[in-house]
PDB file of N, CA and C in Angstrom:
ATOM      1  N   MET A   1       0.841  -1.187   0.000  1.00  0.00           N
ATOM      2  CA  MET A   1       0.000   0.000   0.000  1.00  0.00           C
ATOM      3  C   MET A   1       0.877   1.237   0.000  1.00  0.00           C
ATOM      4  N   PRO A   2       0.264   2.394  -0.070  1.00  0.00           N
ATOM      5  CA  PRO A   2       1.050   3.607  -0.278  1.00  0.00           C
ATOM      6  C   PRO A   2       1.650   4.203   0.985  1.00  0.00           C
ATOM      7  N   THR A   3       2.678   4.986   0.749  1.00  0.00           N
ATOM      8  CA  THR A   3       3.216   5.886   1.763  1.00  0.00           C
ATOM      9  C   THR A   3       2.950   7.291   1.248  1.00  0.00           C
ATOM     10  N   LEU A   4       2.205   8.075   2.011  1.00  0.00           N
ATOM     11  CA  LEU A   4       1.857   9.438   1.614  1.00  0.00           C
ATOM     12  C   LEU A   4       2.730  10.417   2.371  1.00  0.00           C
ATOM     13  N   ARG A   5       3.275  11.381   1.660  1.00  0.00           N
ATOM     14  CA  ARG A   5       4.084  12.443   2.255  1.00  0.00           C
ATOM     15  C   ARG A   5       3.257  13.714   2.220  1.00  0.00           C
ATOM     16  N   VAL A   6       2.960  14.261   3.393  1.00  0.00           N
ATOM     17  CA  VAL A   6       2.132  15.462   3.496  1.00  0.00           C
ATOM     18  C   VAL A   6       3.010  16.600   3.991  1.00  0.00           C
ATOM     19  N   GLU A   7       3.193  17.611   3.144  1.00  0.00           N
ATOM     20  CA  GLU A   7       3.990  18.777   3.509  1.00  0.00           C
ATOM     21  C   GLU A   7       3.028  19.934   3.728  1.00  0.00           C
ATOM     22  N   LEU A   8       3.150  20.570   4.890  1.00  0.00           N
ATOM     23  CA  LEU A   8       2.269  21.691   5.198  1.00  0.00           C
ATOM     24  C   LEU A   8       2.992  22.673   6.100  1.00  0.00           C
ATOM     25  N   PHE A   9       2.433  23.877   6.159  1.00  0.00           N
ATOM     26  CA  PHE A   9       3.029  24.886   7.022  1.00  0.00           C
ATOM     27  C   PHE A   9       2.878  24.479   8.483  1.00  0.00           C
ATOM     28  N   GLU A  10       3.833  24.882   9.291  1.00  0.00           N
ATOM     29  CA  GLU A  10       3.774  24.637  10.730  1.00  0.00           C
ATOM     30  C   GLU A  10       2.478  25.207  11.307  1.00  0.00           C
ATOM     31  N   GLY A  11       2.082  24.643  12.430  1.00  0.00           N
ATOM     32  CA  GLY A  11       0.957  25.217  13.155  1.00  0.00           C
ATOM     33  C   GLY A  11      -0.268  24.330  13.242  1.00  0.00           C
ATOM     34  N   ARG A  12      -0.304  23.231  12.500  1.00  0.00           N
ATOM     35  CA  ARG A  12      -1.448  22.319  12.611  1.00  0.00           C
ATOM     36  C   ARG A  12      -1.343  21.569  13.927  1.00  0.00           C
ATOM     37  N   THR A  13      -2.462  21.332  14.551  1.00  0.00           N
ATOM     38  CA  THR A  13      -2.473  20.627  15.829  1.00  0.00           C
ATOM     39  C   THR A  13      -2.352  19.120  15.595  1.00  0.00           C
ATOM     40  N   PRO A  14      -1.950  18.390  16.627  1.00  0.00           N
ATOM     41  CA  PRO A  14      -1.934  16.931  16.500  1.00  0.00           C
ATOM     42  C   PRO A  14      -3.319  16.376  16.150  1.00  0.00           C
ATOM     43  N   GLU A  15      -4.368  17.003  16.668  1.00  0.00           N
ATOM     44  CA  GLU A  15      -5.725  16.554  16.362  1.00  0.00           C
ATOM     45  C   GLU A  15      -6.063  16.756  14.884  1.00  0.00           C
ATOM     46  N   GLN A  16      -5.634  17.867  14.301  1.00  0.00           N
ATOM     47  CA  GLN A  16      -5.868  18.111  12.874  1.00  0.00           C
ATOM     48  C   GLN A  16      -5.118  17.090  12.029  1.00  0.00           C
ATOM     49  N   LYS A  17      -3.893  16.798  12.405  1.00  0.00           N
ATOM     50  CA  LYS A  17      -3.111  15.808  11.657  1.00  0.00           C
ATOM     51  C   LYS A  17      -3.731  14.423  11.778  1.00  0.00           C
ATOM     52  N   ALA A  18      -4.224  14.078  12.961  1.00  0.00           N
ATOM     53  CA  ALA A  18      -4.864  12.772  13.149  1.00  0.00           C
ATOM     54  C   ALA A  18      -6.118  12.668  12.289  1.00  0.00           C
ATOM     55  N   ALA A  19      -6.902  13.738  12.245  1.00  0.00           N
ATOM     56  CA  ALA A  19      -8.125  13.735  11.423  1.00  0.00           C
ATOM     57  C   ALA A  19      -7.772  13.596   9.949  1.00  0.00           C
ATOM     58  N   LEU A  20      -6.746  14.301   9.494  1.00  0.00           N
ATOM     59  CA  LEU A  20      -6.321  14.199   8.104  1.00  0.00           C
ATOM     60  C   LEU A  20      -5.809  12.791   7.804  1.00  0.00           C
ATOM     61  N   ALA A  21      -5.051  12.225   8.739  1.00  0.00           N
ATOM     62  CA  ALA A  21      -4.534  10.873   8.547  1.00  0.00           C
ATOM     63  C   ALA A  21      -5.680   9.871   8.404  1.00  0.00           C
ATOM     64  N   ARG A  22      -6.717  10.012   9.225  1.00  0.00           N
ATOM     65  CA  ARG A  22      -7.880   9.115   9.107  1.00  0.00           C
ATOM     66  C   ARG A  22      -8.550   9.250   7.753  1.00  0.00           C
ATOM     67  N   GLU A  23      -8.774  10.489   7.315  1.00  0.00           N
ATOM     68  CA  GLU A  23      -9.450  10.734   6.034  1.00  0.00           C
ATOM     69  C   GLU A  23      -8.627  10.207   4.858  1.00  0.00           C
ATOM     70  N   LEU A  24      -7.319  10.467   4.875  1.00  0.00           N
ATOM     71  CA  LEU A  24      -6.462   9.986   3.790  1.00  0.00           C
ATOM     72  C   LEU A  24      -6.408   8.463   3.768  1.00  0.00           C
ATOM     73  N   THR A  25      -6.336   7.861   4.948  1.00  0.00           N
ATOM     74  CA  THR A  25      -6.309   6.400   5.028  1.00  0.00           C
ATOM     75  C   THR A  25      -7.598   5.806   4.472  1.00  0.00           C
ATOM     76  N   GLU A  26      -8.741   6.359   4.889  1.00  0.00           N
ATOM     77  CA  GLU A  26     -10.032   5.871   4.390  1.00  0.00           C
ATOM     78  C   GLU A  26     -10.112   5.991   2.870  1.00  0.00           C
ATOM     79  N   ALA A  27      -9.635   7.109   2.334  1.00  0.00           N
ATOM     80  CA  ALA A  27      -9.674   7.312   0.879  1.00  0.00           C
ATOM     81  C   ALA A  27      -8.787   6.292   0.164  1.00  0.00           C
ATOM     82  N   CYS A  28      -7.602   6.042   0.692  1.00  0.00           N
ATOM     83  CA  CYS A  28      -6.700   5.064   0.062  1.00  0.00           C
ATOM     84  C   CYS A  28      -7.311   3.675   0.061  1.00  0.00           C
ATOM     85  N   VAL A  29      -7.898   3.269   1.184  1.00  0.00           N
ATOM     86  CA  VAL A  29      -8.504   1.939   1.272  1.00  0.00           C
ATOM     87  C   VAL A  29      -9.686   1.843   0.308  1.00  0.00           C
ATOM     88  N   ARG A  30     -10.509   2.897   0.262  1.00  0.00           N
ATOM     89  CA  ARG A  30     -11.676   2.899  -0.625  1.00  0.00           C
ATOM     90  C   ARG A  30     -11.275   2.838  -2.099  1.00  0.00           C
ATOM     91  N   VAL A  31     -10.300   3.606  -2.486  1.00  0.00           N
ATOM     92  CA  VAL A  31      -9.918   3.716  -3.897  1.00  0.00           C
ATOM     93  C   VAL A  31      -8.957   2.612  -4.329  1.00  0.00           C
ATOM     94  N   LEU A  32      -7.985   2.290  -3.485  1.00  0.00           N
ATOM     95  CA  LEU A  32      -6.934   1.353  -3.863  1.00  0.00           C
ATOM     96  C   LEU A  32      -7.142  -0.060  -3.338  1.00  0.00           C
ATOM     97  N   GLY A  33      -8.011  -0.197  -2.358  1.00  0.00           N
ATOM     98  CA  GLY A  33      -8.187  -1.498  -1.726  1.00  0.00           C
ATOM     99  C   GLY A  33      -7.160  -1.681  -0.629  1.00  0.00           C
ATOM    100  N   GLY A  34      -7.112  -2.865  -0.070  1.00  0.00           N
ATOM    101  CA  GLY A  34      -6.159  -3.144   0.996  1.00  0.00           C
ATOM    102  C   GLY A  34      -6.750  -2.817   2.360  1.00  0.00           C
ATOM    103  N   SER A  35      -5.867  -2.706   3.339  1.00  0.00           N
ATOM    104  CA  SER A  35      -6.313  -2.457   4.710  1.00  0.00           C
ATOM    105  C   SER A  35      -5.695  -1.161   5.233  1.00  0.00           C
ATOM    106  N   PRO A  36      -6.329  -0.558   6.246  1.00  0.00           N
ATOM    107  CA  PRO A  36      -5.785   0.675   6.819  1.00  0.00           C
ATOM    108  C   PRO A  36      -4.355   0.514   7.338  1.00  0.00           C
ATOM    109  N   GLY A  37      -4.024  -0.668   7.819  1.00  0.00           N
ATOM    110  CA  GLY A  37      -2.671  -0.892   8.332  1.00  0.00           C
ATOM    111  C   GLY A  37      -1.587  -0.833   7.268  1.00  0.00           C
ATOM    112  N   GLY A  38      -1.985  -0.853   6.015  1.00  0.00           N
ATOM    113  CA  GLY A  38      -1.016  -0.779   4.931  1.00  0.00           C
ATOM    114  C   GLY A  38      -0.747   0.626   4.438  1.00  0.00           C
ATOM    115  N   VAL A  39      -1.403   1.612   5.025  1.00  0.00           N
ATOM    116  CA  VAL A  39      -1.239   3.010   4.595  1.00  0.00           C
ATOM    117  C   VAL A  39      -0.345   3.727   5.591  1.00  0.00           C
ATOM    118  N   ASP A  40       0.757   4.270   5.110  1.00  0.00           N
ATOM    119  CA  ASP A  40       1.661   5.068   5.945  1.00  0.00           C
ATOM    120  C   ASP A  40       1.539   6.528   5.530  1.00  0.00           C
ATOM    121  N   ILE A  41       1.509   7.412   6.516  1.00  0.00           N
ATOM    122  CA  ILE A  41       1.411   8.848   6.249  1.00  0.00           C
ATOM    123  C   ILE A  41       2.509   9.543   7.034  1.00  0.00           C
ATOM    124  N   LEU A  42       3.311  10.322   6.331  1.00  0.00           N
ATOM    125  CA  LEU A  42       4.409  11.070   6.932  1.00  0.00           C
ATOM    126  C   LEU A  42       4.076  12.554   6.867  1.00  0.00           C
ATOM    127  N   PHE A  43       4.107  13.232   8.002  1.00  0.00           N
ATOM    128  CA  PHE A  43       3.847  14.668   8.049  1.00  0.00           C
ATOM    129  C   PHE A  43       5.157  15.433   8.153  1.00  0.00           C
ATOM    130  N   TYR A  44       5.295  16.450   7.329  1.00  0.00           N
ATOM    131  CA  TYR A  44       6.460  17.326   7.344  1.00  0.00           C
ATOM    132  C   TYR A  44       5.978  18.748   7.577  1.00  0.00           C
ATOM    133  N   ASP A  45       6.325  19.300   8.747  1.00  0.00           N
ATOM    134  CA  ASP A  45       5.982  20.688   9.059  1.00  0.00           C
ATOM    135  C   ASP A  45       7.077  21.590   8.517  1.00  0.00           C
ATOM    136  N   ILE A  46       6.678  22.581   7.755  1.00  0.00           N
ATOM    137  CA  ILE A  46       7.644  23.460   7.104  1.00  0.00           C
ATOM    138  C   ILE A  46       7.365  24.904   7.506  1.00  0.00           C
ATOM    139  N   LYS A  47       8.423  25.610   7.880  1.00  0.00           N
ATOM    140  CA  LYS A  47       8.290  27.034   8.204  1.00  0.00           C
ATOM    141  C   LYS A  47       7.979  27.800   6.925  1.00  0.00           C
ATOM    142  N   LYS A  48       7.169  28.843   7.040  1.00  0.00           N
ATOM    143  CA  LYS A  48       6.858  29.650   5.857  1.00  0.00           C
ATOM    144  C   LYS A  48       8.115  30.243   5.245  1.00  0.00           C
ATOM    145  N   SER A  49       9.097  30.534   6.086  1.00  0.00           N
ATOM    146  CA  SER A  49      10.345  31.112   5.570  1.00  0.00           C
ATOM    147  C   SER A  49      11.162  30.103   4.771  1.00  0.00           C
ATOM    148  N   ASP A  50      10.815  28.815   4.878  1.00  0.00           N
ATOM    149  CA  ASP A  50      11.527  27.768   4.140  1.00  0.00           C
ATOM    150  C   ASP A  50      10.758  27.292   2.914  1.00  0.00           C
ATOM    151  N   TRP A  51       9.726  28.017   2.507  1.00  0.00           N
ATOM    152  CA  TRP A  51       8.880  27.623   1.369  1.00  0.00           C
ATOM    153  C   TRP A  51       8.793  28.830   0.438  1.00  0.00           C
ATOM    154  N   ALA A  52       9.109  28.629  -0.822  1.00  0.00           N
ATOM    155  CA  ALA A  52       9.029  29.716  -1.797  1.00  0.00           C
ATOM    156  C   ALA A  52       8.131  29.303  -2.950  1.00  0.00           C
ATOM    157  N   THR A  53       7.387  30.260  -3.462  1.00  0.00           N
ATOM    158  CA  THR A  53       6.540  30.056  -4.629  1.00  0.00           C
ATOM    159  C   THR A  53       6.812  31.197  -5.596  1.00  0.00           C
ATOM    160  N   GLY A  54       7.098  30.865  -6.822  1.00  0.00           N
ATOM    161  CA  GLY A  54       7.375  31.908  -7.812  1.00  0.00           C
ATOM    162  C   GLY A  54       8.590  32.739  -7.465  1.00  0.00           C
ATOM    163  N   GLY A  55       9.541  32.137  -6.762  1.00  0.00           N
ATOM    164  CA  GLY A  55      10.769  32.852  -6.418  1.00  0.00           C
ATOM    165  C   GLY A  55      10.647  33.744  -5.198  1.00  0.00           C
ATOM    166  N   VAL A  56       9.497  33.723  -4.527  1.00  0.00           N
ATOM    167  CA  VAL A  56       9.286  34.568  -3.351  1.00  0.00           C
ATOM    168  C   VAL A  56       8.995  33.669  -2.155  1.00  0.00           C
ATOM    169  N   ARG A  57       9.746  33.896  -1.076  1.00  0.00           N
ATOM    170  CA  ARG A  57       9.479  33.112   0.132  1.00  0.00           C
ATOM    171  C   ARG A  57       8.088  33.430   0.653  1.00  0.00           C
ATOM    172  N   ARG A  58       7.368  32.410   1.112  1.00  0.00           N
ATOM    173  CA  ARG A  58       5.993  32.579   1.571  1.00  0.00           C
ATOM    174  C   ARG A  58       5.879  33.601   2.683  1.00  0.00           C
ATOM    175  N   GLY A  59       6.844  33.663   3.562  1.00  0.00           N
ATOM    176  CA  GLY A  59       6.817  34.635   4.642  1.00  0.00           C
ATOM    177  C   GLY A  59       6.918  36.066   4.152  1.00  0.00           C
ATOM    178  N   GLU A  60       7.327  36.257   2.897  1.00  0.00           N
ATOM    179  CA  GLU A  60       7.487  37.599   2.329  1.00  0.00           C
ATOM    180  C   GLU A  60       6.321  38.011   1.442  1.00  0.00           C
ATOM    181  N   LEU A  61       5.429  37.083   1.129  1.00  0.00           N
ATOM    182  CA  LEU A  61       4.307  37.417   0.250  1.00  0.00           C
ATOM    183  C   LEU A  61       3.376  38.403   0.938  1.00  0.00           C
ATOM    184  N   ARG A  62       2.916  39.365   0.170  1.00  0.00           N
ATOM    185  CA  ARG A  62       1.948  40.317   0.705  1.00  0.00           C
ATOM    186  C   ARG A  62       0.553  39.729   0.595  1.00  0.00           C
ATOM    187  N   ALA A  63      -0.300  40.138   1.501  1.00  0.00           N
ATOM    188  CA  ALA A  63      -1.689  39.692   1.453  1.00  0.00           C
ATOM    189  C   ALA A  63      -2.345  40.249   0.193  1.00  0.00           C
ATOM    190  N   PRO A  64      -3.267  39.510  -0.400  1.00  0.00           N
ATOM    191  CA  PRO A  64      -3.956  40.023  -1.581  1.00  0.00           C
ATOM    192  C   PRO A  64      -4.828  41.215  -1.202  1.00  0.00           C
ATOM    193  N   PRO A  65      -5.094  42.112  -2.151  1.00  0.00           N
ATOM    194  CA  PRO A  65      -5.940  43.267  -1.841  1.00  0.00           C
ATOM    195  C   PRO A  65      -7.351  42.806  -1.512  1.00  0.00           C
ATOM    196  N   PRO A  66      -8.084  43.602  -0.740  1.00  0.00           N
ATOM    197  CA  PRO A  66      -9.462  43.235  -0.416  1.00  0.00           C
ATOM    198  C   PRO A  66     -10.300  43.088  -1.683  1.00  0.00           C
ATOM    199  N   ARG A  67     -11.336  42.266  -1.615  1.00  0.00           N
ATOM    200  CA  ARG A  67     -12.217  42.080  -2.777  1.00  0.00           C
ATOM    201  C   ARG A  67     -12.801  43.413  -3.192  1.00  0.00           C
ATOM    202  N   GLY A  68     -12.844  43.632  -4.474  1.00  0.00           N
ATOM    203  CA  GLY A  68     -13.399  44.865  -5.006  1.00  0.00           C
ATOM    204  C   GLY A  68     -12.403  46.008  -5.084  1.00  0.00           C
ATOM    205  N   ALA A  69     -11.216  45.830  -4.497  1.00  0.00           N
ATOM    206  CA  ALA A  69     -10.210  46.895  -4.551  1.00  0.00           C
ATOM    207  C   ALA A  69      -9.668  46.985  -5.971  1.00  0.00           C
ATOM    208  N   ARG A  70      -9.391  48.186  -6.407  1.00  0.00           N
ATOM    209  CA  ARG A  70      -8.852  48.388  -7.746  1.00  0.00           C
ATOM    210  C   ARG A  70      -7.405  48.818  -7.651  1.00  0.00           C
ATOM    211  N   SER A  71      -6.649  48.427  -8.625  1.00  0.00           N
ATOM    212  CA  SER A  71      -5.262  48.871  -8.708  1.00  0.00           C
ATOM    213  C   SER A  71      -5.014  49.355 -10.127  1.00  0.00           C
ATOM    214  N   CYS A  72      -3.842  49.922 -10.344  1.00  0.00           N
ATOM    215  CA  CYS A  72      -3.517  50.391 -11.686  1.00  0.00           C
ATOM    216  C   CYS A  72      -3.452  49.219 -12.657  1.00  0.00           C
ATOM    217  N   LEU A  73      -3.225  48.010 -12.165  1.00  0.00           N
ATOM    218  CA  LEU A  73      -3.162  46.840 -13.027  1.00  0.00           C
ATOM    219  C   LEU A  73      -4.544  46.392 -13.485  1.00  0.00           C
ATOM    220  N   SER A  74      -5.584  46.786 -12.745  1.00  0.00           N
ATOM    221  CA  SER A  74      -6.914  46.304 -13.092  1.00  0.00           C
ATOM    222  C   SER A  74      -7.632  47.255 -14.068  1.00  0.00           C
ATOM    223  N   ARG A  75      -7.041  48.424 -14.333  1.00  0.00           N
ATOM    224  CA  ARG A  75      -7.666  49.368 -15.270  1.00  0.00           C
ATOM    225  C   ARG A  75      -7.335  48.990 -16.696  1.00  0.00           C
ATOM    226  N   ARG A  76      -8.263  49.219 -17.575  1.00  0.00           N
ATOM    227  CA  ARG A  76      -8.015  48.966 -19.007  1.00  0.00           C
ATOM    228  C   ARG A  76      -7.099  50.035 -19.586  1.00  0.00           C
ATOM    229  N   ALA A  77      -6.265  49.616 -20.500  1.00  0.00           N
ATOM    230  CA  ALA A  77      -5.417  50.606 -21.202  1.00  0.00           C
ATOM    231  C   ALA A  77      -6.318  51.421 -22.120  1.00  0.00           C
ATOM    232  N   ARG A  78      -6.070  52.705 -22.167  1.00  0.00           N
ATOM    233  CA  ARG A  78      -6.910  53.573 -23.007  1.00  0.00           C
ATOM    234  C   ARG A  78      -6.214  53.943 -24.270  1.00  0.00           C
TER     235      ARG A  78
END
């Protein structure tokens, strides 16, 4: 059966990880067959400062503008 590697930002509680492990295990057994004891799940907690998307570290990303906010990028060229 499978070994699943789950990478997520730090801060999830042990209870959240246990709930996710149960759900992932149930899905694997339902879709792939086998028994729950054959599913291994590895959790990797990653600091936001150690994760980059599009060349920018996650800890440095700015929050998106509020819904409905306009910027110079959203205006049509005239």
